[in-house]
Amino acid sequence: GFTVQEIKDAFDGVMDFCLWDKPF
C-alpha cells in the first residue's frame, strides 16, 4: 500500500541506520 518512493525512503532509512549509524 506504499508508493515506490516511500518504500525506497524506508529501506534507505533502515540501511543508513544499520550501516552508517544515522538516526533510525
PDB file of all heavy atoms in Angstrom:
ATOM      1  N   GLY A   1       0.794  -1.217   0.000  1.00  0.00           N
ATOM      2  CA  GLY A   1       0.000   0.000   0.000  1.00  0.00           C
ATOM      3  C   GLY A   1       0.827   1.268   0.000  1.00  0.00           C
ATOM      4  O   GLY A   1       0.265   2.366   0.107  1.00  0.00           O
ATOM      5  N   PHE A   2       2.146   1.140  -0.140  1.00  0.00           N
ATOM      6  CA  PHE A   2       3.035   2.302  -0.172  1.00  0.00           C
ATOM      7  C   PHE A   2       3.553   2.520  -1.587  1.00  0.00           C
ATOM      8  O   PHE A   2       3.643   1.595  -2.386  1.00  0.00           O
ATOM      9  CB  PHE A   2       4.207   2.110   0.792  1.00  0.00           C
ATOM     10  CG  PHE A   2       3.807   1.967   2.226  1.00  0.00           C
ATOM     11  CD1 PHE A   2       3.844   0.729   2.849  1.00  0.00           C
ATOM     12  CD2 PHE A   2       3.356   3.069   2.939  1.00  0.00           C
ATOM     13  CE1 PHE A   2       3.457   0.585   4.168  1.00  0.00           C
ATOM     14  CE2 PHE A   2       2.967   2.943   4.265  1.00  0.00           C
ATOM     15  CZ  PHE A   2       3.006   1.702   4.881  1.00  0.00           C
ATOM     16  N   THR A   3       3.915   3.765  -1.877  1.00  0.00           N
ATOM     17  CA  THR A   3       4.448   4.076  -3.194  1.00  0.00           C
ATOM     18  C   THR A   3       5.892   3.581  -3.309  1.00  0.00           C
ATOM     19  O   THR A   3       6.543   3.279  -2.308  1.00  0.00           O
ATOM     20  CB  THR A   3       4.418   5.582  -3.475  1.00  0.00           C
ATOM     21  OG1 THR A   3       5.349   6.233  -2.586  1.00  0.00           O
ATOM     22  CG2 THR A   3       3.025   6.162  -3.254  1.00  0.00           C
ATOM     23  N   VAL A   4       6.372   3.540  -4.539  1.00  0.00           N
ATOM     24  CA  VAL A   4       7.761   3.116  -4.767  1.00  0.00           C
ATOM     25  C   VAL A   4       8.721   4.013  -4.008  1.00  0.00           C
ATOM     26  O   VAL A   4       9.664   3.541  -3.367  1.00  0.00           O
ATOM     27  CB  VAL A   4       8.092   3.120  -6.273  1.00  0.00           C
ATOM     28  CG1 VAL A   4       9.588   2.911  -6.496  1.00  0.00           C
ATOM     29  CG2 VAL A   4       7.290   2.057  -7.013  1.00  0.00           C
ATOM     30  N   GLN A   5       8.494   5.325  -4.051  1.00  0.00           N
ATOM     31  CA  GLN A   5       9.389   6.255  -3.369  1.00  0.00           C
ATOM     32  C   GLN A   5       9.331   6.087  -1.859  1.00  0.00           C
ATOM     33  O   GLN A   5      10.367   6.149  -1.176  1.00  0.00           O
ATOM     34  CB  GLN A   5       9.053   7.699  -3.743  1.00  0.00           C
ATOM     35  CG  GLN A   5      10.089   8.710  -3.267  1.00  0.00           C
ATOM     36  CD  GLN A   5      11.475   8.409  -3.817  1.00  0.00           C
ATOM     37  OE1 GLN A   5      11.664   8.226  -5.009  1.00  0.00           O
ATOM     38  NE2 GLN A   5      12.472   8.354  -2.924  1.00  0.00           N
ATOM     39  N   GLU A   6       8.145   5.847  -1.309  1.00  0.00           N
ATOM     40  CA  GLU A   6       8.015   5.628   0.136  1.00  0.00           C
ATOM     41  C   GLU A   6       8.752   4.355   0.561  1.00  0.00           C
ATOM     42  O   GLU A   6       9.372   4.310   1.623  1.00  0.00           O
ATOM     43  CB  GLU A   6       6.541   5.545   0.521  1.00  0.00           C
ATOM     44  CG  GLU A   6       5.827   6.896   0.470  1.00  0.00           C
ATOM     45  CD  GLU A   6       4.322   6.771   0.635  1.00  0.00           C
ATOM     46  OE1 GLU A   6       3.783   5.669   0.398  1.00  0.00           O
ATOM     47  OE2 GLU A   6       3.684   7.791   0.991  1.00  0.00           O
ATOM     48  N   ILE A   7       8.690   3.347  -0.277  1.00  0.00           N
ATOM     49  CA  ILE A   7       9.391   2.091   0.012  1.00  0.00           C
ATOM     50  C   ILE A   7      10.897   2.313  -0.023  1.00  0.00           C
ATOM     51  O   ILE A   7      11.632   1.854   0.868  1.00  0.00           O
ATOM     52  CB  ILE A   7       8.974   0.998  -0.991  1.00  0.00           C
ATOM     53  CG1 ILE A   7       7.504   0.620  -0.767  1.00  0.00           C
ATOM     54  CG2 ILE A   7       9.867  -0.233  -0.876  1.00  0.00           C
ATOM     55  CD1 ILE A   7       6.929  -0.297  -1.828  1.00  0.00           C
ATOM     56  N   LYS A   8      11.373   3.034  -1.040  1.00  0.00           N
ATOM     57  CA  LYS A   8      12.807   3.326  -1.137  1.00  0.00           C
ATOM     58  C   LYS A   8      13.275   4.144   0.056  1.00  0.00           C
ATOM     59  O   LYS A   8      14.348   3.880   0.629  1.00  0.00           O
ATOM     60  CB  LYS A   8      13.110   4.072  -2.436  1.00  0.00           C
ATOM     61  CG  LYS A   8      13.069   3.223  -3.687  1.00  0.00           C
ATOM     62  CD  LYS A   8      13.476   4.055  -4.904  1.00  0.00           C
ATOM     63  CE  LYS A   8      13.511   3.221  -6.161  1.00  0.00           C
ATOM     64  NZ  LYS A   8      13.929   4.010  -7.350  1.00  0.00           N
ATOM     65  N   ASP A   9      12.494   5.152   0.446  1.00  0.00           N
ATOM     66  CA  ASP A   9      12.874   6.004   1.575  1.00  0.00           C
ATOM     67  C   ASP A   9      12.966   5.184   2.860  1.00  0.00           C
ATOM     68  O   ASP A   9      13.897   5.379   3.667  1.00  0.00           O
ATOM     69  CB  ASP A   9      11.854   7.130   1.761  1.00  0.00           C
ATOM     70  CG  ASP A   9      11.933   8.170   0.642  1.00  0.00           C
ATOM     71  OD1 ASP A   9      12.954   8.193  -0.071  1.00  0.00           O
ATOM     72  OD2 ASP A   9      10.965   8.944   0.493  1.00  0.00           O
ATOM     73  N   ALA A  10      12.018   4.272   3.068  1.00  0.00           N
ATOM     74  CA  ALA A  10      12.031   3.436   4.268  1.00  0.00           C
ATOM     75  C   ALA A  10      13.241   2.505   4.276  1.00  0.00           C
ATOM     76  O   ALA A  10      13.935   2.371   5.291  1.00  0.00           O
ATOM     77  CB  ALA A  10      10.742   2.623   4.351  1.00  0.00           C
ATOM     78  N   PHE A  11      13.498   1.880   3.149  1.00  0.00           N
ATOM     79  CA  PHE A  11      14.645   0.969   3.057  1.00  0.00           C
ATOM     80  C   PHE A  11      15.955   1.726   3.269  1.00  0.00           C
ATOM     81  O   PHE A  11      16.830   1.271   4.011  1.00  0.00           O
ATOM     82  CB  PHE A  11      14.650   0.269   1.699  1.00  0.00           C
ATOM     83  CG  PHE A  11      15.791  -0.691   1.526  1.00  0.00           C
ATOM     84  CD1 PHE A  11      15.747  -1.957   2.096  1.00  0.00           C
ATOM     85  CD2 PHE A  11      16.920  -0.339   0.797  1.00  0.00           C
ATOM     86  CE1 PHE A  11      16.806  -2.848   1.949  1.00  0.00           C
ATOM     87  CE2 PHE A  11      17.980  -1.224   0.642  1.00  0.00           C
ATOM     88  CZ  PHE A  11      17.918  -2.478   1.217  1.00  0.00           C
ATOM     89  N   ASP A  12      16.082   2.877   2.620  1.00  0.00           N
ATOM     90  CA  ASP A  12      17.298   3.682   2.771  1.00  0.00           C
ATOM     91  C   ASP A  12      17.498   4.118   4.212  1.00  0.00           C
ATOM     92  O   ASP A  12      18.628   4.133   4.730  1.00  0.00           O
ATOM     93  CB  ASP A  12      17.237   4.910   1.861  1.00  0.00           C
ATOM     94  CG  ASP A  12      17.398   4.552   0.389  1.00  0.00           C
ATOM     95  OD1 ASP A  12      17.839   3.429   0.090  1.00  0.00           O
ATOM     96  OD2 ASP A  12      17.068   5.399  -0.462  1.00  0.00           O
ATOM     97  N   GLY A  13      16.406   4.487   4.881  1.00  0.00           N
ATOM     98  CA  GLY A  13      16.500   4.917   6.271  1.00  0.00           C
ATOM     99  C   GLY A  13      16.996   3.797   7.172  1.00  0.00           C
ATOM    100  O   GLY A  13      17.848   4.014   8.042  1.00  0.00           O
ATOM    101  N   VAL A  14      16.468   2.598   6.963  1.00  0.00           N
ATOM    102  CA  VAL A  14      16.892   1.448   7.763  1.00  0.00           C
ATOM    103  C   VAL A  14      18.359   1.117   7.507  1.00  0.00           C
ATOM    104  O   VAL A  14      19.142   0.887   8.437  1.00  0.00           O
ATOM    105  CB  VAL A  14      16.006   0.227   7.459  1.00  0.00           C
ATOM    106  CG1 VAL A  14      16.601  -1.041   8.077  1.00  0.00           C
ATOM    107  CG2 VAL A  14      14.594   0.446   7.988  1.00  0.00           C
ATOM    108  N   MET A  15      18.763   1.100   6.235  1.00  0.00           N
ATOM    109  CA  MET A  15      20.140   0.741   5.901  1.00  0.00           C
ATOM    110  C   MET A  15      21.130   1.819   6.341  1.00  0.00           C
ATOM    111  O   MET A  15      22.250   1.501   6.754  1.00  0.00           O
ATOM    112  CB  MET A  15      20.266   0.484   4.402  1.00  0.00           C
ATOM    113  CG  MET A  15      19.480  -0.724   3.917  1.00  0.00           C
ATOM    114  SD  MET A  15      19.874  -2.243   4.832  1.00  0.00           S
ATOM    115  CE  MET A  15      21.575  -2.532   4.318  1.00  0.00           C
ATOM    116  N   ASP A  16      20.725   3.085   6.265  1.00  0.00           N
ATOM    117  CA  ASP A  16      21.603   4.156   6.761  1.00  0.00           C
ATOM    118  C   ASP A  16      21.837   4.009   8.261  1.00  0.00           C
ATOM    119  O   ASP A  16      22.937   4.267   8.767  1.00  0.00           O
ATOM    120  CB  ASP A  16      20.988   5.527   6.468  1.00  0.00           C
ATOM    121  CG  ASP A  16      21.102   5.915   5.000  1.00  0.00           C
ATOM    122  OD1 ASP A  16      21.922   5.307   4.288  1.00  0.00           O
ATOM    123  OD2 ASP A  16      20.368   6.826   4.564  1.00  0.00           O
ATOM    124  N   PHE A  17      20.804   3.585   8.970  1.00  0.00           N
ATOM    125  CA  PHE A  17      20.928   3.337  10.408  1.00  0.00           C
ATOM    126  C   PHE A  17      21.849   2.144  10.677  1.00  0.00           C
ATOM    127  O   PHE A  17      22.753   2.214  11.515  1.00  0.00           O
ATOM    128  CB  PHE A  17      19.544   3.084  11.009  1.00  0.00           C
ATOM    129  CG  PHE A  17      19.571   2.569  12.412  1.00  0.00           C
ATOM    130  CD1 PHE A  17      19.818   3.420  13.481  1.00  0.00           C
ATOM    131  CD2 PHE A  17      19.350   1.216  12.685  1.00  0.00           C
ATOM    132  CE1 PHE A  17      19.837   2.943  14.791  1.00  0.00           C
ATOM    133  CE2 PHE A  17      19.374   0.731  13.987  1.00  0.00           C
ATOM    134  CZ  PHE A  17      19.623   1.596  15.041  1.00  0.00           C
ATOM    135  N   CYS A  18      21.628   1.056   9.937  1.00  0.00           N
ATOM    136  CA  CYS A  18      22.383  -0.175  10.170  1.00  0.00           C
ATOM    137  C   CYS A  18      23.855  -0.052   9.774  1.00  0.00           C
ATOM    138  O   CYS A  18      24.733  -0.594  10.456  1.00  0.00           O
ATOM    139  CB  CYS A  18      21.747  -1.341   9.398  1.00  0.00           C
ATOM    140  SG  CYS A  18      20.161  -1.881  10.061  1.00  0.00           S
ATOM    141  N   LEU A  19      24.114   0.653   8.687  1.00  0.00           N
ATOM    142  CA  LEU A  19      25.486   0.717   8.178  1.00  0.00           C
ATOM    143  C   LEU A  19      26.265   1.931   8.671  1.00  0.00           C
ATOM    144  O   LEU A  19      27.449   1.827   8.985  1.00  0.00           O
ATOM    145  CB  LEU A  19      25.469   0.710   6.646  1.00  0.00           C
ATOM    146  CG  LEU A  19      24.990  -0.576   5.972  1.00  0.00           C
ATOM    147  CD1 LEU A  19      24.864  -0.360   4.474  1.00  0.00           C
ATOM    148  CD2 LEU A  19      25.943  -1.723   6.266  1.00  0.00           C
ATOM    149  N   TRP A  20      25.589   3.071   8.711  1.00  0.00           N
ATOM    150  CA  TRP A  20      26.320   4.324   8.949  1.00  0.00           C
ATOM    151  C   TRP A  20      25.920   5.024  10.232  1.00  0.00           C
ATOM    152  O   TRP A  20      26.298   6.181  10.454  1.00  0.00           O
ATOM    153  CB  TRP A  20      26.137   5.262   7.758  1.00  0.00           C
ATOM    154  CG  TRP A  20      26.261   4.566   6.438  1.00  0.00           C
ATOM    155  CD1 TRP A  20      25.341   4.538   5.433  1.00  0.00           C
ATOM    156  CD2 TRP A  20      27.366   3.785   5.961  1.00  0.00           C
ATOM    157  NE1 TRP A  20      25.785   3.799   4.373  1.00  0.00           N
ATOM    158  CE2 TRP A  20      27.034   3.313   4.660  1.00  0.00           C
ATOM    159  CE3 TRP A  20      28.605   3.427   6.504  1.00  0.00           C
ATOM    160  CZ2 TRP A  20      27.895   2.511   3.915  1.00  0.00           C
ATOM    161  CZ3 TRP A  20      29.459   2.606   5.753  1.00  0.00           C
ATOM    162  CH2 TRP A  20      29.106   2.183   4.477  1.00  0.00           C
ATOM    163  N   ASP A  21      25.118   4.349  11.081  1.00  0.00           N
ATOM    164  CA  ASP A  21      24.765   4.861  12.405  1.00  0.00           C
ATOM    165  C   ASP A  21      24.000   6.185  12.341  1.00  0.00           C
ATOM    166  O   ASP A  21      24.135   7.036  13.227  1.00  0.00           O
ATOM    167  CB  ASP A  21      26.021   5.024  13.270  1.00  0.00           C
ATOM    168  CG  ASP A  21      25.690   5.097  14.752  1.00  0.00           C
ATOM    169  OD1 ASP A  21      24.632   4.575  15.138  1.00  0.00           O
ATOM    170  OD2 ASP A  21      26.478   5.681  15.512  1.00  0.00           O
ATOM    171  N   LYS A  22      23.198   6.349  11.312  1.00  0.00           N
ATOM    172  CA  LYS A  22      22.343   7.532  11.238  1.00  0.00           C
ATOM    173  C   LYS A  22      21.086   7.302  12.076  1.00  0.00           C
ATOM    174  O   LYS A  22      20.769   6.156  12.420  1.00  0.00           O
ATOM    175  CB  LYS A  22      21.973   7.831   9.787  1.00  0.00           C
ATOM    176  CG  LYS A  22      23.162   8.277   8.933  1.00  0.00           C
ATOM    177  CD  LYS A  22      22.710   8.705   7.559  1.00  0.00           C
ATOM    178  CE  LYS A  22      23.884   9.202   6.716  1.00  0.00           C
ATOM    179  NZ  LYS A  22      23.456   9.634   5.359  1.00  0.00           N
ATOM    180  N   PRO A  23      20.360   8.359  12.447  1.00  0.00           N
ATOM    181  CA  PRO A  23      19.152   8.180  13.242  1.00  0.00           C
ATOM    182  C   PRO A  23      18.163   7.233  12.556  1.00  0.00           C
ATOM    183  O   PRO A  23      17.999   7.284  11.343  1.00  0.00           O
ATOM    184  CB  PRO A  23      18.585   9.603  13.345  1.00  0.00           C
ATOM    185  CG  PRO A  23      19.777  10.488  13.174  1.00  0.00           C
ATOM    186  CD  PRO A  23      20.673   9.780  12.192  1.00  0.00           C
ATOM    187  N   PHE A  24      17.538   6.384  13.357  1.00  0.00           N
ATOM    188  CA  PHE A  24      16.613   5.400  12.794  1.00  0.00           C
ATOM    189  C   PHE A  24      15.364   6.089  12.274  1.00  0.00           C
ATOM    190  O   PHE A  24      14.744   6.880  12.966  1.00  0.00           O
ATOM    191  CB  PHE A  24      16.225   4.364  13.846  1.00  0.00           C
ATOM    192  CG  PHE A  24      15.368   3.260  13.304  1.00  0.00           C
ATOM    193  CD1 PHE A  24      15.944   2.223  12.576  1.00  0.00           C
ATOM    194  CD2 PHE A  24      13.992   3.259  13.499  1.00  0.00           C
ATOM    195  CE1 PHE A  24      15.165   1.204  12.059  1.00  0.00           C
ATOM    196  CE2 PHE A  24      13.205   2.245  12.990  1.00  0.00           C
ATOM    197  CZ  PHE A  24      13.794   1.209  12.274  1.00  0.00           C
TER     198      PHE A  24
END
